[in-house]
Amino acid sequence: MKDINGTKYYTKKEMAQMIGCSLGTINARIIATKIDGYYLGHAKHYTTEQVRRIAEYRKTPTTANND
């Protein structure tokens, strides 16, 4: 994790460890949500808000039970 001016940036590997899934899942979610990271050096990094959106992504949204 890098902290630049109070904004935290995470790599895909750090994100996978935080969320508890594989790098393949992280890559699929990044593509599906069309989130674009920031290059810091030669690796892309993602903000805390972007990590949250990737963690909460579901391919098929859950529907409420209408009983």
N, C-alpha and C. Protein backbone atom coordinates (compact mmCIF):
# COMPACT_ATOMS: atom_id res chain seq x y z
N MET A 1 0.84 -1.17 0.00
CA MET A 1 0.00 0.00 0.00
C MET A 1 0.89 1.24 0.00
N LYS A 2 0.48 2.19 -0.80
CA LYS A 2 1.17 3.48 -0.84
C LYS A 2 0.19 4.55 -0.38
N ASP A 3 0.68 5.50 0.37
CA ASP A 3 -0.14 6.60 0.85
C ASP A 3 0.42 7.89 0.27
N ILE A 4 -0.36 8.51 -0.61
CA ILE A 4 0.07 9.76 -1.25
C ILE A 4 -0.95 10.83 -0.95
N ASN A 5 -0.53 11.85 -0.22
CA ASN A 5 -1.40 12.96 0.16
C ASN A 5 -2.71 12.49 0.81
N GLY A 6 -2.62 11.47 1.65
CA GLY A 6 -3.79 10.99 2.37
C GLY A 6 -4.64 9.99 1.60
N THR A 7 -4.32 9.71 0.34
CA THR A 7 -5.05 8.72 -0.45
C THR A 7 -4.24 7.43 -0.47
N LYS A 8 -4.90 6.32 -0.13
CA LYS A 8 -4.23 5.03 -0.10
C LYS A 8 -4.44 4.32 -1.43
N TYR A 9 -3.36 3.74 -1.95
CA TYR A 9 -3.38 3.01 -3.21
C TYR A 9 -2.90 1.59 -2.97
N TYR A 10 -3.61 0.61 -3.56
CA TYR A 10 -3.31 -0.80 -3.35
C TYR A 10 -3.03 -1.49 -4.68
N THR A 11 -2.12 -2.47 -4.67
CA THR A 11 -1.86 -3.29 -5.85
C THR A 11 -2.92 -4.38 -5.93
N LYS A 12 -2.95 -5.07 -7.06
CA LYS A 12 -3.90 -6.18 -7.23
C LYS A 12 -3.62 -7.29 -6.21
N LYS A 13 -2.36 -7.54 -5.94
CA LYS A 13 -1.99 -8.58 -4.98
C LYS A 13 -2.48 -8.23 -3.58
N GLU A 14 -2.30 -6.99 -3.18
CA GLU A 14 -2.79 -6.53 -1.87
C GLU A 14 -4.31 -6.60 -1.82
N MET A 15 -4.95 -6.22 -2.92
CA MET A 15 -6.40 -6.26 -3.01
C MET A 15 -6.91 -7.70 -2.85
N ALA A 16 -6.28 -8.64 -3.52
CA ALA A 16 -6.68 -10.04 -3.44
C ALA A 16 -6.56 -10.56 -2.01
N GLN A 17 -5.51 -10.18 -1.31
CA GLN A 17 -5.33 -10.59 0.08
C GLN A 17 -6.39 -9.97 0.98
N MET A 18 -6.72 -8.70 0.75
CA MET A 18 -7.71 -8.01 1.56
C MET A 18 -9.10 -8.62 1.37
N ILE A 19 -9.46 -8.90 0.12
CA ILE A 19 -10.79 -9.39 -0.21
C ILE A 19 -10.89 -10.89 0.04
N GLY A 20 -9.77 -11.60 -0.12
CA GLY A 20 -9.77 -13.04 0.09
C GLY A 20 -10.14 -13.81 -1.16
N CYS A 21 -9.63 -13.37 -2.32
CA CYS A 21 -9.89 -14.07 -3.57
C CYS A 21 -8.61 -14.10 -4.39
N SER A 22 -8.69 -14.71 -5.57
CA SER A 22 -7.50 -14.87 -6.41
C SER A 22 -7.27 -13.63 -7.28
N LEU A 23 -6.07 -13.56 -7.85
CA LEU A 23 -5.76 -12.48 -8.78
C LEU A 23 -6.65 -12.56 -10.02
N GLY A 24 -6.98 -13.78 -10.45
CA GLY A 24 -7.88 -13.95 -11.59
C GLY A 24 -9.24 -13.33 -11.33
N THR A 25 -9.76 -13.51 -10.12
CA THR A 25 -11.04 -12.91 -9.76
C THR A 25 -10.92 -11.40 -9.74
N ILE A 26 -9.84 -10.88 -9.19
CA ILE A 26 -9.62 -9.44 -9.17
C ILE A 26 -9.60 -8.89 -10.60
N ASN A 27 -8.85 -9.55 -11.48
CA ASN A 27 -8.76 -9.09 -12.87
C ASN A 27 -10.13 -9.11 -13.54
N ALA A 28 -10.90 -10.17 -13.32
CA ALA A 28 -12.23 -10.26 -13.92
C ALA A 28 -13.14 -9.15 -13.42
N ARG A 29 -13.07 -8.85 -12.14
CA ARG A 29 -13.92 -7.79 -11.57
C ARG A 29 -13.50 -6.41 -12.07
N ILE A 30 -12.20 -6.20 -12.24
CA ILE A 30 -11.71 -4.92 -12.75
C ILE A 30 -12.23 -4.71 -14.17
N ILE A 31 -12.18 -5.74 -14.98
CA ILE A 31 -12.67 -5.65 -16.36
C ILE A 31 -14.18 -5.42 -16.36
N ALA A 32 -14.91 -6.18 -15.54
CA ALA A 32 -16.38 -6.07 -15.52
C ALA A 32 -16.85 -4.71 -15.05
N THR A 33 -16.16 -4.13 -14.08
CA THR A 33 -16.57 -2.83 -13.55
C THR A 33 -15.96 -1.66 -14.31
N LYS A 34 -15.04 -1.96 -15.23
CA LYS A 34 -14.38 -0.94 -16.04
C LYS A 34 -13.66 0.10 -15.19
N ILE A 35 -13.03 -0.38 -14.14
CA ILE A 35 -12.26 0.50 -13.26
C ILE A 35 -10.84 0.60 -13.81
N ASP A 36 -10.34 1.82 -13.89
CA ASP A 36 -9.00 2.05 -14.39
C ASP A 36 -8.13 2.52 -13.24
N GLY A 37 -7.06 1.79 -13.00
CA GLY A 37 -6.16 2.13 -11.90
C GLY A 37 -5.17 3.21 -12.28
N TYR A 38 -4.24 3.45 -11.40
CA TYR A 38 -3.22 4.48 -11.58
C TYR A 38 -1.85 3.83 -11.57
N TYR A 39 -1.02 4.17 -12.54
CA TYR A 39 0.33 3.64 -12.55
C TYR A 39 1.17 4.42 -11.55
N LEU A 40 1.71 3.70 -10.60
CA LEU A 40 2.68 4.24 -9.66
C LEU A 40 3.91 3.36 -9.82
N GLY A 41 4.86 3.83 -10.60
CA GLY A 41 5.96 2.96 -11.02
C GLY A 41 5.47 2.18 -12.22
N HIS A 42 5.77 0.88 -12.28
CA HIS A 42 5.34 0.09 -13.42
C HIS A 42 4.10 -0.75 -13.13
N ALA A 43 3.57 -0.68 -11.92
CA ALA A 43 2.38 -1.47 -11.54
C ALA A 43 1.19 -0.54 -11.31
N LYS A 44 0.00 -1.04 -11.67
CA LYS A 44 -1.21 -0.26 -11.42
C LYS A 44 -1.61 -0.39 -9.96
N HIS A 45 -2.13 0.69 -9.43
CA HIS A 45 -2.62 0.74 -8.07
C HIS A 45 -4.05 1.26 -8.10
N TYR A 46 -4.81 0.92 -7.06
CA TYR A 46 -6.23 1.27 -7.00
C TYR A 46 -6.52 1.93 -5.66
N THR A 47 -7.39 2.94 -5.69
CA THR A 47 -7.73 3.67 -4.46
C THR A 47 -8.63 2.82 -3.58
N THR A 48 -8.81 3.25 -2.35
CA THR A 48 -9.67 2.55 -1.40
C THR A 48 -11.10 2.44 -1.93
N GLU A 49 -11.61 3.49 -2.54
CA GLU A 49 -12.96 3.47 -3.11
C GLU A 49 -13.06 2.47 -4.25
N GLN A 50 -12.05 2.41 -5.10
CA GLN A 50 -12.06 1.45 -6.19
C GLN A 50 -12.00 0.02 -5.65
N VAL A 51 -11.22 -0.21 -4.62
CA VAL A 51 -11.14 -1.54 -3.99
C VAL A 51 -12.51 -1.93 -3.44
N ARG A 52 -13.20 -0.99 -2.81
CA ARG A 52 -14.54 -1.25 -2.27
C ARG A 52 -15.49 -1.67 -3.38
N ARG A 53 -15.48 -0.93 -4.50
CA ARG A 53 -16.36 -1.25 -5.63
C ARG A 53 -16.04 -2.62 -6.21
N ILE A 54 -14.78 -2.97 -6.29
CA ILE A 54 -14.37 -4.29 -6.80
C ILE A 54 -14.81 -5.39 -5.82
N ALA A 55 -14.67 -5.15 -4.54
CA ALA A 55 -15.06 -6.15 -3.53
C ALA A 55 -16.56 -6.39 -3.52
N GLU A 56 -17.34 -5.35 -3.77
CA GLU A 56 -18.80 -5.46 -3.72
C GLU A 56 -19.42 -5.92 -5.03
N TYR A 57 -18.63 -6.02 -6.09
CA TYR A 57 -19.16 -6.38 -7.41
C TYR A 57 -19.75 -7.78 -7.40
N ARG A 58 -20.92 -7.93 -7.99
CA ARG A 58 -21.57 -9.22 -8.19
C ARG A 58 -22.00 -9.29 -9.65
N LYS A 59 -21.73 -10.42 -10.30
CA LYS A 59 -22.08 -10.57 -11.71
C LYS A 59 -23.58 -10.45 -11.92
N THR A 60 -24.34 -11.11 -11.08
CA THR A 60 -25.80 -10.99 -11.14
C THR A 60 -26.26 -10.36 -9.84
N PRO A 61 -26.89 -9.20 -9.91
CA PRO A 61 -27.31 -8.54 -8.69
C PRO A 61 -28.34 -9.38 -7.94
N THR A 62 -28.26 -9.32 -6.63
CA THR A 62 -29.22 -10.06 -5.82
C THR A 62 -30.56 -9.33 -5.85
N THR A 63 -31.63 -10.08 -5.82
CA THR A 63 -32.96 -9.49 -5.81
C THR A 63 -33.60 -9.71 -4.45
N ALA A 64 -34.41 -8.78 -4.05
CA ALA A 64 -35.10 -8.89 -2.77
C ALA A 64 -36.19 -9.95 -2.88
N ASN A 65 -36.42 -10.64 -1.80
CA ASN A 65 -37.46 -11.65 -1.76
C ASN A 65 -38.80 -10.95 -1.60
N ASN A 66 -39.65 -11.05 -2.60
CA ASN A 66 -40.95 -10.34 -2.59
C ASN A 66 -42.07 -11.25 -2.09
N ASP A 67 -42.01 -11.62 -0.85
CA ASP A 67 -43.07 -12.48 -0.26
C ASP A 67 -44.23 -11.67 0.19
